Every structure is written in C-alpha cells, then in structure tokens.
Amino acid sequence: MDYKDHKIDVSVRLVSEGSGWTPDVYVTYCENGKNVLKSLQINHTFAAPDEAEQSGVEYAKKWIDDGKPGQSLCSVKR
C-alpha cells in the first residue's frame, strides 16, 4: 500500500512454535535521490494472520508519521 510517498509491504508468518502470527514489515521510500528499503521489527505475535497484517500496517504508518526514528541505523540502500 502507498502512504505519504512511502510503499508499505506487510507479510505474515506463523511463529515456529505455533504460538501465533507475526508480521514482516518493509517500507520503501526515496531519500536524496536513492531508494531506501527499511525493515521494521515487531516483537509481538497475534492470534490471527489478519490481526498481524493490520498491526504491521499501523506500525509502519506510525513510524512514518513519527519522522522515521532510527532510520540511519538499519536502512538498506539500493
């Protein structure tokens, strides 16, 4: 999904112990003429895959709205 000139991609996976679902969240955006891919970590599991996906989307939107804190630590530039 697109959000404020950022592309948010969320996939969900079943935690290996079968204790719930966790989202994998990626945000792509342009900075100084270069594409940046940021992986956001959510250390929480959810009972259902749709809950995990929605939480991942909300987390990414909040990260963008908060000014992308910590972006220089983990950004992968392409």
PDB file of N, CA and C in Angstrom:
ATOM      1  N   MET A   1       0.840  -1.173   0.000  1.00  0.00           N
ATOM      2  CA  MET A   1       0.000   0.000   0.000  1.00  0.00           C
ATOM      3  C   MET A   1       0.882   1.233   0.000  1.00  0.00           C
ATOM      4  N   ASP A   2       0.377   2.313  -0.573  1.00  0.00           N
ATOM      5  CA  ASP A   2       1.088   3.585  -0.579  1.00  0.00           C
ATOM      6  C   ASP A   2       0.573   4.454   0.557  1.00  0.00           C
ATOM      7  N   TYR A   3       1.516   5.132   1.222  1.00  0.00           N
ATOM      8  CA  TYR A   3       1.165   6.014   2.336  1.00  0.00           C
ATOM      9  C   TYR A   3       2.193   7.134   2.408  1.00  0.00           C
ATOM     10  N   LYS A   4       1.754   8.355   2.137  1.00  0.00           N
ATOM     11  CA  LYS A   4       2.609   9.549   2.221  1.00  0.00           C
ATOM     12  C   LYS A   4       3.943   9.370   1.498  1.00  0.00           C
ATOM     13  N   ASP A   5       3.883   8.999   0.228  1.00  0.00           N
ATOM     14  CA  ASP A   5       5.064   8.802  -0.620  1.00  0.00           C
ATOM     15  C   ASP A   5       5.972   7.665  -0.146  1.00  0.00           C
ATOM     16  N   HIS A   6       5.418   6.723   0.587  1.00  0.00           N
ATOM     17  CA  HIS A   6       6.123   5.528   1.022  1.00  0.00           C
ATOM     18  C   HIS A   6       5.322   4.308   0.563  1.00  0.00           C
ATOM     19  N   LYS A   7       6.007   3.219   0.292  1.00  0.00           N
ATOM     20  CA  LYS A   7       5.326   1.972  -0.043  1.00  0.00           C
ATOM     21  C   LYS A   7       5.493   1.029   1.149  1.00  0.00           C
ATOM     22  N   ILE A   8       4.378   0.572   1.677  1.00  0.00           N
ATOM     23  CA  ILE A   8       4.380  -0.336   2.820  1.00  0.00           C
ATOM     24  C   ILE A   8       4.030  -1.736   2.338  1.00  0.00           C
ATOM     25  N   ASP A   9       4.891  -2.702   2.662  1.00  0.00           N
ATOM     26  CA  ASP A   9       4.642  -4.104   2.348  1.00  0.00           C
ATOM     27  C   ASP A   9       4.655  -4.892   3.654  1.00  0.00           C
ATOM     28  N   VAL A  10       3.593  -5.646   3.878  1.00  0.00           N
ATOM     29  CA  VAL A  10       3.497  -6.469   5.080  1.00  0.00           C
ATOM     30  C   VAL A  10       3.147  -7.895   4.669  1.00  0.00           C
ATOM     31  N   SER A  11       3.921  -8.834   5.152  1.00  0.00           N
ATOM     32  CA  SER A  11       3.584 -10.249   5.013  1.00  0.00           C
ATOM     33  C   SER A  11       3.539 -10.824   6.420  1.00  0.00           C
ATOM     34  N   VAL A  12       2.827 -11.913   6.572  1.00  0.00           N
ATOM     35  CA  VAL A  12       2.721 -12.526   7.899  1.00  0.00           C
ATOM     36  C   VAL A  12       3.219 -13.965   7.839  1.00  0.00           C
ATOM     37  N   ARG A  13       3.718 -14.427   8.966  1.00  0.00           N
ATOM     38  CA  ARG A  13       4.187 -15.807   9.035  1.00  0.00           C
ATOM     39  C   ARG A  13       3.838 -16.395  10.386  1.00  0.00           C
ATOM     40  N   LEU A  14       3.642 -17.689  10.377  1.00  0.00           N
ATOM     41  CA  LEU A  14       3.323 -18.420  11.594  1.00  0.00           C
ATOM     42  C   LEU A  14       4.612 -18.604  12.382  1.00  0.00           C
ATOM     43  N   VAL A  15       4.583 -18.253  13.661  1.00  0.00           N
ATOM     44  CA  VAL A  15       5.747 -18.436  14.509  1.00  0.00           C
ATOM     45  C   VAL A  15       5.993 -19.933  14.650  1.00  0.00           C
ATOM     46  N   SER A  16       7.245 -20.325  14.628  1.00  0.00           N
ATOM     47  CA  SER A  16       7.599 -21.748  14.561  1.00  0.00           C
ATOM     48  C   SER A  16       6.977 -22.608  15.659  1.00  0.00           C
ATOM     49  N   GLU A  17       6.775 -22.066  16.831  1.00  0.00           N
ATOM     50  CA  GLU A  17       6.162 -22.841  17.903  1.00  0.00           C
ATOM     51  C   GLU A  17       4.646 -22.932  17.751  1.00  0.00           C
ATOM     52  N   GLY A  18       4.100 -22.297  16.740  1.00  0.00           N
ATOM     53  CA  GLY A  18       2.651 -22.310  16.541  1.00  0.00           C
ATOM     54  C   GLY A  18       1.918 -21.438  17.536  1.00  0.00           C
ATOM     55  N   SER A  19       2.654 -20.498  18.145  1.00  0.00           N
ATOM     56  CA  SER A  19       2.045 -19.659  19.180  1.00  0.00           C
ATOM     57  C   SER A  19       1.386 -18.399  18.639  1.00  0.00           C
ATOM     58  N   GLY A  20       1.337 -18.237  17.338  1.00  0.00           N
ATOM     59  CA  GLY A  20       0.687 -17.073  16.758  1.00  0.00           C
ATOM     60  C   GLY A  20       1.355 -16.640  15.471  1.00  0.00           C
ATOM     61  N   TRP A  21       0.917 -15.496  14.992  1.00  0.00           N
ATOM     62  CA  TRP A  21       1.392 -14.927  13.728  1.00  0.00           C
ATOM     63  C   TRP A  21       2.187 -13.665  14.006  1.00  0.00           C
ATOM     64  N   THR A  22       3.198 -13.428  13.198  1.00  0.00           N
ATOM     65  CA  THR A  22       3.987 -12.213  13.319  1.00  0.00           C
ATOM     66  C   THR A  22       4.115 -11.544  11.952  1.00  0.00           C
ATOM     67  N   PRO A  23       4.099 -10.209  11.925  1.00  0.00           N
ATOM     68  CA  PRO A  23       4.234  -9.510  10.641  1.00  0.00           C
ATOM     69  C   PRO A  23       5.692  -9.217  10.303  1.00  0.00           C
ATOM     70  N   ASP A  24       6.002  -9.273   9.017  1.00  0.00           N
ATOM     71  CA  ASP A  24       7.268  -8.783   8.487  1.00  0.00           C
ATOM     72  C   ASP A  24       6.926  -7.507   7.728  1.00  0.00           C
ATOM     73  N   VAL A  25       7.507  -6.392   8.153  1.00  0.00           N
ATOM     74  CA  VAL A  25       7.119  -5.077   7.645  1.00  0.00           C
ATOM     75  C   VAL A  25       8.300  -4.439   6.915  1.00  0.00           C
ATOM     76  N   TYR A  26       8.045  -3.966   5.696  1.00  0.00           N
ATOM     77  CA  TYR A  26       9.057  -3.278   4.893  1.00  0.00           C
ATOM     78  C   TYR A  26       8.475  -1.973   4.360  1.00  0.00           C
ATOM     79  N   VAL A  27       9.280  -0.913   4.458  1.00  0.00           N
ATOM     80  CA  VAL A  27       8.872   0.395   3.950  1.00  0.00           C
ATOM     81  C   VAL A  27       9.924   0.842   2.943  1.00  0.00           C
ATOM     82  N   THR A  28       9.468   1.218   1.754  1.00  0.00           N
ATOM     83  CA  THR A  28      10.356   1.725   0.712  1.00  0.00           C
ATOM     84  C   THR A  28      10.021   3.185   0.468  1.00  0.00           C
ATOM     85  N   TYR A  29      11.076   4.005   0.356  1.00  0.00           N
ATOM     86  CA  TYR A  29      10.873   5.427   0.090  1.00  0.00           C
ATOM     87  C   TYR A  29      12.120   5.987  -0.582  1.00  0.00           C
ATOM     88  N   CYS A  30      11.998   7.186  -1.113  1.00  0.00           N
ATOM     89  CA  CYS A  30      13.108   7.853  -1.788  1.00  0.00           C
ATOM     90  C   CYS A  30      13.706   8.900  -0.847  1.00  0.00           C
ATOM     91  N   GLU A  31      15.042   8.861  -0.731  1.00  0.00           N
ATOM     92  CA  GLU A  31      15.736   9.837   0.115  1.00  0.00           C
ATOM     93  C   GLU A  31      17.014  10.258  -0.603  1.00  0.00           C
ATOM     94  N   ASN A  32      17.170  11.543  -0.822  1.00  0.00           N
ATOM     95  CA  ASN A  32      18.336  12.074  -1.527  1.00  0.00           C
ATOM     96  C   ASN A  32      18.547  11.402  -2.880  1.00  0.00           C
ATOM     97  N   GLY A  33      17.452  11.125  -3.583  1.00  0.00           N
ATOM     98  CA  GLY A  33      17.523  10.549  -4.911  1.00  0.00           C
ATOM     99  C   GLY A  33      17.783   9.049  -4.953  1.00  0.00           C
ATOM    100  N   LYS A  34      17.795   8.396  -3.792  1.00  0.00           N
ATOM    101  CA  LYS A  34      18.037   6.952  -3.744  1.00  0.00           C
ATOM    102  C   LYS A  34      16.866   6.246  -3.080  1.00  0.00           C
ATOM    103  N   ASN A  35      16.563   5.042  -3.565  1.00  0.00           N
ATOM    104  CA  ASN A  35      15.535   4.230  -2.926  1.00  0.00           C
ATOM    105  C   ASN A  35      16.093   3.620  -1.648  1.00  0.00           C
ATOM    106  N   VAL A  36      15.299   3.679  -0.595  1.00  0.00           N
ATOM    107  CA  VAL A  36      15.685   3.115   0.691  1.00  0.00           C
ATOM    108  C   VAL A  36      14.659   2.060   1.068  1.00  0.00           C
ATOM    109  N   LEU A  37      15.137   0.908   1.488  1.00  0.00           N
ATOM    110  CA  LEU A  37      14.276  -0.167   1.972  1.00  0.00           C
ATOM    111  C   LEU A  37      14.548  -0.350   3.458  1.00  0.00           C
ATOM    112  N   LYS A  38      13.515  -0.186   4.262  1.00  0.00           N
ATOM    113  CA  LYS A  38      13.637  -0.288   5.715  1.00  0.00           C
ATOM    114  C   LYS A  38      12.810  -1.467   6.203  1.00  0.00           C
ATOM    115  N   SER A  39      13.426  -2.334   6.986  1.00  0.00           N
ATOM    116  CA  SER A  39      12.734  -3.445   7.619  1.00  0.00           C
ATOM    117  C   SER A  39      12.402  -3.023   9.049  1.00  0.00           C
ATOM    118  N   LEU A  40      11.130  -3.100   9.420  1.00  0.00           N
ATOM    119  CA  LEU A  40      10.703  -2.748  10.774  1.00  0.00           C
ATOM    120  C   LEU A  40      10.413  -4.022  11.549  1.00  0.00           C
ATOM    121  N   GLN A  41      10.902  -4.093  12.765  1.00  0.00           N
ATOM    122  CA  GLN A  41      10.733  -5.273  13.595  1.00  0.00           C
ATOM    123  C   GLN A  41       9.606  -5.072  14.598  1.00  0.00           C
ATOM    124  N   ILE A  42       8.697  -6.028  14.652  1.00  0.00           N
ATOM    125  CA  ILE A  42       7.625  -6.031  15.644  1.00  0.00           C
ATOM    126  C   ILE A  42       7.783  -7.307  16.457  1.00  0.00           C
ATOM    127  N   ASN A  43       8.085  -7.161  17.709  1.00  0.00           N
ATOM    128  CA  ASN A  43       8.309  -8.312  18.582  1.00  0.00           C
ATOM    129  C   ASN A  43       7.028  -8.664  19.318  1.00  0.00           C
ATOM    130  N   HIS A  44       6.046  -9.085  18.552  1.00  0.00           N
ATOM    131  CA  HIS A  44       4.741  -9.427  19.122  1.00  0.00           C
ATOM    132  C   HIS A  44       4.090 -10.459  18.203  1.00  0.00           C
ATOM    133  N   THR A  45       3.345 -11.364  18.786  1.00  0.00           N
ATOM    134  CA  THR A  45       2.596 -12.316  17.975  1.00  0.00           C
ATOM    135  C   THR A  45       1.107 -12.039  18.124  1.00  0.00           C
ATOM    136  N   PHE A  46       0.358 -12.462  17.125  1.00  0.00           N
ATOM    137  CA  PHE A  46      -1.085 -12.216  17.078  1.00  0.00           C
ATOM    138  C   PHE A  46      -1.799 -13.540  16.838  1.00  0.00           C
ATOM    139  N   ALA A  47      -3.034 -13.610  17.306  1.00  0.00           N
ATOM    140  CA  ALA A  47      -3.812 -14.846  17.207  1.00  0.00           C
ATOM    141  C   ALA A  47      -4.190 -15.181  15.769  1.00  0.00           C
ATOM    142  N   ALA A  48      -4.398 -14.171  14.945  1.00  0.00           N
ATOM    143  CA  ALA A  48      -4.856 -14.392  13.574  1.00  0.00           C
ATOM    144  C   ALA A  48      -3.964 -13.641  12.587  1.00  0.00           C
ATOM    145  N   PRO A  49      -3.817 -14.165  11.367  1.00  0.00           N
ATOM    146  CA  PRO A  49      -2.972 -13.505  10.372  1.00  0.00           C
ATOM    147  C   PRO A  49      -3.441 -12.100  10.008  1.00  0.00           C
ATOM    148  N   ASP A  50      -4.759 -11.884   9.944  1.00  0.00           N
ATOM    149  CA  ASP A  50      -5.232 -10.546   9.585  1.00  0.00           C
ATOM    150  C   ASP A  50      -4.920  -9.531  10.679  1.00  0.00           C
ATOM    151  N   GLU A  51      -4.904  -9.956  11.935  1.00  0.00           N
ATOM    152  CA  GLU A  51      -4.514  -9.062  13.035  1.00  0.00           C
ATOM    153  C   GLU A  51      -3.043  -8.673  12.897  1.00  0.00           C
ATOM    154  N   ALA A  52      -2.208  -9.648  12.571  1.00  0.00           N
ATOM    155  CA  ALA A  52      -0.779  -9.378  12.407  1.00  0.00           C
ATOM    156  C   ALA A  52      -0.542  -8.418  11.248  1.00  0.00           C
ATOM    157  N   GLU A  53      -1.240  -8.633  10.145  1.00  0.00           N
ATOM    158  CA  GLU A  53      -1.082  -7.762   8.981  1.00  0.00           C
ATOM    159  C   GLU A  53      -1.526  -6.334   9.289  1.00  0.00           C
ATOM    160  N   GLN A  54      -2.694  -6.182   9.904  1.00  0.00           N
ATOM    161  CA  GLN A  54      -3.197  -4.847  10.235  1.00  0.00           C
ATOM    162  C   GLN A  54      -2.262  -4.129  11.210  1.00  0.00           C
ATOM    163  N   SER A  55      -1.746  -4.853  12.178  1.00  0.00           N
ATOM    164  CA  SER A  55      -0.817  -4.260  13.130  1.00  0.00           C
ATOM    165  C   SER A  55       0.455  -3.792  12.430  1.00  0.00           C
ATOM    166  N   GLY A  56       0.934  -4.581  11.467  1.00  0.00           N
ATOM    167  CA  GLY A  56       2.120  -4.191  10.708  1.00  0.00           C
ATOM    168  C   GLY A  56       1.906  -2.920   9.917  1.00  0.00           C
ATOM    169  N   VAL A  57       0.751  -2.787   9.298  1.00  0.00           N
ATOM    170  CA  VAL A  57       0.420  -1.575   8.543  1.00  0.00           C
ATOM    171  C   VAL A  57       0.357  -0.373   9.479  1.00  0.00           C
ATOM    172  N   GLU A  58      -0.317  -0.516  10.599  1.00  0.00           N
ATOM    173  CA  GLU A  58      -0.438   0.585  11.568  1.00  0.00           C
ATOM    174  C   GLU A  58       0.927   0.974  12.125  1.00  0.00           C
ATOM    175  N   TYR A  59       1.776  -0.003  12.397  1.00  0.00           N
ATOM    176  CA  TYR A  59       3.116   0.259  12.915  1.00  0.00           C
ATOM    177  C   TYR A  59       3.935   1.057  11.901  1.00  0.00           C
ATOM    178  N   ALA A  60       3.871   0.654  10.633  1.00  0.00           N
ATOM    179  CA  ALA A  60       4.610   1.362   9.584  1.00  0.00           C
ATOM    180  C   ALA A  60       4.109   2.798   9.427  1.00  0.00           C
ATOM    181  N   LYS A  61       2.805   2.990   9.449  1.00  0.00           N
ATOM    182  CA  LYS A  61       2.252   4.346   9.334  1.00  0.00           C
ATOM    183  C   LYS A  61       2.713   5.218  10.493  1.00  0.00           C
ATOM    184  N   LYS A  62       2.705   4.674  11.696  1.00  0.00           N
ATOM    185  CA  LYS A  62       3.156   5.439  12.867  1.00  0.00           C
ATOM    186  C   LYS A  62       4.640   5.773  12.750  1.00  0.00           C
ATOM    187  N   TRP A  63       5.436   4.813  12.275  1.00  0.00           N
ATOM    188  CA  TRP A  63       6.868   5.050  12.090  1.00  0.00           C
ATOM    189  C   TRP A  63       7.084   6.204  11.109  1.00  0.00           C
ATOM    190  N   ILE A  64       6.334   6.211  10.015  1.00  0.00           N
ATOM    191  CA  ILE A  64       6.435   7.298   9.033  1.00  0.00           C
ATOM    192  C   ILE A  64       5.982   8.616   9.655  1.00  0.00           C
ATOM    193  N   ASP A  65       4.833   8.607  10.324  1.00  0.00           N
ATOM    194  CA  ASP A  65       4.295   9.826  10.936  1.00  0.00           C
ATOM    195  C   ASP A  65       5.201  10.390  12.021  1.00  0.00           C
ATOM    196  N   ASP A  66       5.963   9.519  12.697  1.00  0.00           N
ATOM    197  CA  ASP A  66       6.873   9.954  13.765  1.00  0.00           C
ATOM    198  C   ASP A  66       8.217  10.437  13.235  1.00  0.00           C
ATOM    199  N   GLY A  67       8.360  10.530  11.927  1.00  0.00           N
ATOM    200  CA  GLY A  67       9.580  11.058  11.332  1.00  0.00           C
ATOM    201  C   GLY A  67      10.650  10.014  11.083  1.00  0.00           C
ATOM    202  N   LYS A  68      10.269   8.748  11.008  1.00  0.00           N
ATOM    203  CA  LYS A  68      11.163   7.637  10.710  1.00  0.00           C
ATOM    204  C   LYS A  68      12.318   7.547  11.715  1.00  0.00           C
ATOM    205  N   PRO A  69      12.001   7.422  13.002  1.00  0.00           N
ATOM    206  CA  PRO A  69      13.070   7.359  14.011  1.00  0.00           C
ATOM    207  C   PRO A  69      13.978   6.150  13.811  1.00  0.00           C
ATOM    208  N   GLY A  70      15.273   6.362  14.034  1.00  0.00           N
ATOM    209  CA  GLY A  70      16.240   5.280  13.933  1.00  0.00           C
ATOM    210  C   GLY A  70      16.543   4.833  12.523  1.00  0.00           C
ATOM    211  N   GLN A  71      16.143   5.607  11.509  1.00  0.00           N
ATOM    212  CA  GLN A  71      16.295   5.147  10.134  1.00  0.00           C
ATOM    213  C   GLN A  71      17.757   4.993   9.725  1.00  0.00           C
ATOM    214  N   SER A  72      18.649   5.773  10.271  1.00  0.00           N
ATOM    215  CA  SER A  72      20.029   5.682   9.826  1.00  0.00           C
ATOM    216  C   SER A  72      20.729   4.427  10.342  1.00  0.00           C
ATOM    217  N   LEU A  73      20.150   3.753  11.329  1.00  0.00           N
ATOM    218  CA  LEU A  73      20.790   2.578  11.900  1.00  0.00           C
ATOM    219  C   LEU A  73      20.600   1.328  11.069  1.00  0.00           C
ATOM    220  N   CYS A  74      19.446   1.190  10.416  1.00  0.00           N
ATOM    221  CA  CYS A  74      19.121  -0.086   9.786  1.00  0.00           C
ATOM    222  C   CYS A  74      18.731   0.035   8.323  1.00  0.00           C
ATOM    223  N   SER A  75      18.832   1.166   7.725  1.00  0.00           N
ATOM    224  CA  SER A  75      18.389   1.313   6.340  1.00  0.00           C
ATOM    225  C   SER A  75      19.308   0.567   5.392  1.00  0.00           C
ATOM    226  N   VAL A  76      18.712  -0.026   4.390  1.00  0.00           N
ATOM    227  CA  VAL A  76      19.470  -0.693   3.349  1.00  0.00           C
ATOM    228  C   VAL A  76      19.249   0.106   2.080  1.00  0.00           C
ATOM    229  N   LYS A  77      20.315   0.676   1.542  1.00  0.00           N
ATOM    230  CA  LYS A  77      20.181   1.484   0.325  1.00  0.00           C
ATOM    231  C   LYS A  77      20.445   0.618  -0.876  1.00  0.00           C
ATOM    232  N   ARG A  78      19.600   0.803  -1.882  1.00  0.00           N
ATOM    233  CA  ARG A  78      19.763   0.056  -3.134  1.00  0.00           C
ATOM    234  C   ARG A  78      20.457   0.898  -4.162  1.00  0.00           C
TER     235      ARG A  78
END
